[in-house]
Amino acid sequence: MAKGFIEKNQKFLGLLLLGVGAYQVVLKPILQKLNIQETAEEKKERLKKEAAEVVTESGGSSSPYSWSAFFQEAPKGVLIMSDVSALALAKKIKEADFWAGWFQYDEKIPFGVLSGLKTQSQFSWICRKFYLTYSISMLEFLKEKLTNSEFSDFNVKLVSKPKYK
């Protein structure tokens, strides 16, 4: 059946392949050069910036950094962690500069904490404990300690996790 379809539409399929090839080889590079179409690198960078902006909107219910608003929309049975675990992880993030040495911050520690979490709600619970313990928001603390690129990467990884489970 497929063989019959190919034989009947051979001319059309040939023109289709020629058109796709011409687009990829000729038209797409021209559009990218004229800034009409994004390159893969530009798209990746734009998505990083958008993720960082969405996550860091203060007071937004979609931001795990704003734990009070974030949990107002949480469904019943949302996955969080114990206060003891959240406090231990908040302390680990806060004291990352102590372990790295003076005037340095070990950015691997917050990334490690984040990679061990299953959901944004768990991170939000850590943000809550962080604020209640240190009287500074996790958002402001990480903005201060991480470079813009690291902070953006951190937020991209945070957004890639499910909100609640």
Protein backbone atom coordinates (compact mmCIF):
# COMPACT_ATOMS: atom_id res chain seq x y z
CA MET A 1 0.00 0.00 0.00
CA ALA A 2 2.76 2.46 0.92
CA LYS A 3 4.66 1.51 -2.22
CA GLY A 4 1.64 2.34 -4.36
CA PHE A 5 1.23 5.70 -2.63
CA ILE A 6 4.87 6.59 -3.23
CA GLU A 7 4.71 5.60 -6.89
CA LYS A 8 1.52 7.63 -7.47
CA ASN A 9 2.87 10.71 -5.70
CA GLN A 10 6.54 10.48 -6.65
CA LYS A 11 6.63 13.84 -8.42
CA PHE A 12 4.84 15.61 -5.54
CA LEU A 13 7.09 14.02 -2.90
CA GLY A 14 10.18 14.98 -4.90
CA LEU A 15 9.05 18.61 -5.05
CA LEU A 16 8.21 18.53 -1.33
CA LEU A 17 11.68 17.27 -0.45
CA LEU A 18 13.25 19.88 -2.74
CA GLY A 19 11.21 22.62 -1.03
CA VAL A 20 12.21 21.48 2.46
CA GLY A 21 15.86 21.28 1.42
CA ALA A 22 15.74 24.74 -0.15
CA TYR A 23 14.20 26.17 3.01
CA GLN A 24 16.82 24.59 5.27
CA VAL A 25 19.81 25.49 3.10
CA VAL A 26 18.83 28.85 1.61
CA LEU A 27 15.82 30.53 3.17
CA LYS A 28 16.30 29.73 6.88
CA PRO A 29 19.87 31.17 7.10
CA ILE A 30 18.71 34.33 5.33
CA LEU A 31 15.78 34.77 7.74
CA GLN A 32 18.11 34.26 10.70
CA LYS A 33 20.65 36.71 9.34
CA LEU A 34 17.93 39.34 8.90
CA ASN A 35 16.71 38.62 12.46
CA ILE A 36 13.31 37.55 11.16
CA GLN A 37 13.68 34.05 12.59
CA GLU A 38 15.45 33.08 15.83
CA THR A 39 18.44 30.80 15.85
CA ALA A 40 18.41 27.86 18.26
CA GLU A 41 20.80 29.71 20.59
CA GLU A 42 18.66 32.85 20.58
CA LYS A 43 15.52 30.83 21.29
CA LYS A 44 17.23 29.01 24.18
CA GLU A 45 18.42 32.31 25.66
CA ARG A 46 14.95 33.87 25.28
CA LEU A 47 13.29 30.92 26.99
CA LYS A 48 15.79 31.14 29.85
CA LYS A 49 15.02 34.81 30.37
CA GLU A 50 11.26 34.23 30.22
CA ALA A 51 11.49 31.41 32.77
CA ALA A 52 13.53 33.58 35.11
CA GLU A 53 11.05 36.45 34.77
CA VAL A 54 7.98 34.28 35.37
CA VAL A 55 9.47 32.58 38.41
CA THR A 56 10.76 35.75 39.99
CA GLU A 57 7.57 37.79 39.75
CA SER A 58 7.03 38.82 43.33
CA GLY A 59 3.64 38.03 44.74
CA GLY A 60 2.63 35.92 41.77
CA SER A 61 0.89 32.68 42.63
CA SER A 62 2.88 30.91 39.93
CA SER A 63 6.19 31.68 41.64
CA PRO A 64 7.47 29.14 44.15
CA TYR A 65 9.54 31.95 45.69
CA SER A 66 6.26 33.54 46.85
CA TRP A 67 5.37 30.66 49.11
CA SER A 68 2.27 32.18 50.71
CA ALA A 69 0.58 32.85 47.35
CA PHE A 70 1.93 29.62 45.86
CA PHE A 71 0.29 27.44 48.51
CA GLN A 72 -3.06 29.24 48.31
CA GLU A 73 -3.65 27.55 44.95
CA ALA A 74 -2.21 24.20 46.01
CA PRO A 75 -4.48 21.17 45.73
CA LYS A 76 -5.16 18.96 48.75
CA GLY A 77 -2.43 16.44 49.49
CA VAL A 78 0.33 18.53 47.89
CA LEU A 79 3.81 17.03 48.27
CA ILE A 80 5.93 19.00 50.69
CA MET A 81 8.53 17.94 53.22
CA SER A 82 8.99 18.05 56.95
CA ASP A 83 9.98 21.30 58.61
CA VAL A 84 13.21 19.67 59.78
CA SER A 85 14.19 18.67 56.23
CA ALA A 86 13.21 22.07 54.83
CA LEU A 87 15.23 23.86 57.52
CA ALA A 88 18.27 21.66 56.88
CA LEU A 89 18.15 22.40 53.13
CA ALA A 90 17.55 26.12 53.71
CA LYS A 91 20.57 26.18 56.04
CA LYS A 92 22.63 24.33 53.43
CA ILE A 93 21.79 26.96 50.79
CA LYS A 94 22.45 29.84 53.19
CA GLU A 95 25.81 28.52 54.35
CA ALA A 96 27.18 27.60 50.92
CA ASP A 97 29.58 30.55 51.09
CA PHE A 98 30.99 29.25 54.37
CA TRP A 99 32.03 25.96 52.77
CA ALA A 100 33.40 27.58 49.59
CA GLY A 101 35.60 30.06 51.42
CA TRP A 102 35.49 33.74 52.15
CA PHE A 103 34.05 36.03 49.46
CA GLN A 104 32.82 33.06 47.44
CA TYR A 105 29.53 31.27 47.07
CA ASP A 106 29.41 27.64 46.02
CA GLU A 107 26.65 27.68 43.41
CA LYS A 108 26.73 23.89 43.21
CA ILE A 109 24.97 23.66 46.56
CA PRO A 110 21.65 25.33 45.60
CA PHE A 111 21.70 23.43 42.30
CA GLY A 112 22.28 20.20 44.23
CA VAL A 113 19.42 20.96 46.60
CA LEU A 114 17.15 21.72 43.64
CA SER A 115 18.08 18.53 41.80
CA GLY A 116 17.10 16.49 44.87
CA LEU A 117 13.58 17.93 44.91
CA LYS A 118 10.62 16.43 43.08
CA THR A 119 8.33 19.45 42.86
CA GLN A 120 8.21 23.22 42.98
CA SER A 121 6.05 22.93 46.08
CA GLN A 122 8.96 21.36 47.96
CA PHE A 123 11.19 24.26 46.91
CA SER A 124 8.50 26.70 47.98
CA TRP A 125 8.38 25.06 51.41
CA ILE A 126 12.15 25.53 51.70
CA CYS A 127 11.68 29.19 50.71
CA ARG A 128 9.16 29.52 53.53
CA LYS A 129 11.56 28.05 56.09
CA PHE A 130 14.40 30.17 54.70
CA TYR A 131 12.41 33.38 55.17
CA LEU A 132 11.15 32.45 58.63
CA THR A 133 14.68 31.57 59.76
CA TYR A 134 16.82 34.26 58.11
CA SER A 135 14.29 37.09 57.48
CA ILE A 136 15.33 37.36 53.85
CA SER A 137 13.56 35.88 50.87
CA MET A 138 15.24 33.05 48.98
CA LEU A 139 14.68 35.06 45.81
CA GLU A 140 16.70 38.03 47.04
CA PHE A 141 19.37 35.83 48.55
CA LEU A 142 19.94 33.82 45.36
CA LYS A 143 19.86 36.96 43.20
CA GLU A 144 22.63 38.36 45.36
CA LYS A 145 24.76 35.21 45.46
CA LEU A 146 24.42 33.80 41.94
CA THR A 147 25.45 35.41 38.66
CA ASN A 148 22.63 36.36 36.27
CA SER A 149 23.39 33.32 34.12
CA GLU A 150 23.46 30.95 37.12
CA PHE A 151 20.26 32.45 38.49
CA SER A 152 18.56 32.04 35.12
CA ASP A 153 19.75 28.42 34.83
CA PHE A 154 18.53 27.74 38.36
CA ASN A 155 15.07 29.09 37.53
CA VAL A 156 14.89 27.13 34.27
CA LYS A 157 15.53 23.94 36.24
CA LEU A 158 13.02 24.99 38.89
CA VAL A 159 10.29 25.67 36.30
CA SER A 160 10.93 22.32 34.62
CA LYS A 161 9.77 20.52 37.78
CA PRO A 162 6.04 19.88 38.29
CA LYS A 163 4.31 22.42 40.55
CA TYR A 164 2.45 20.06 42.84
CA LYS A 165 2.13 16.30 43.28
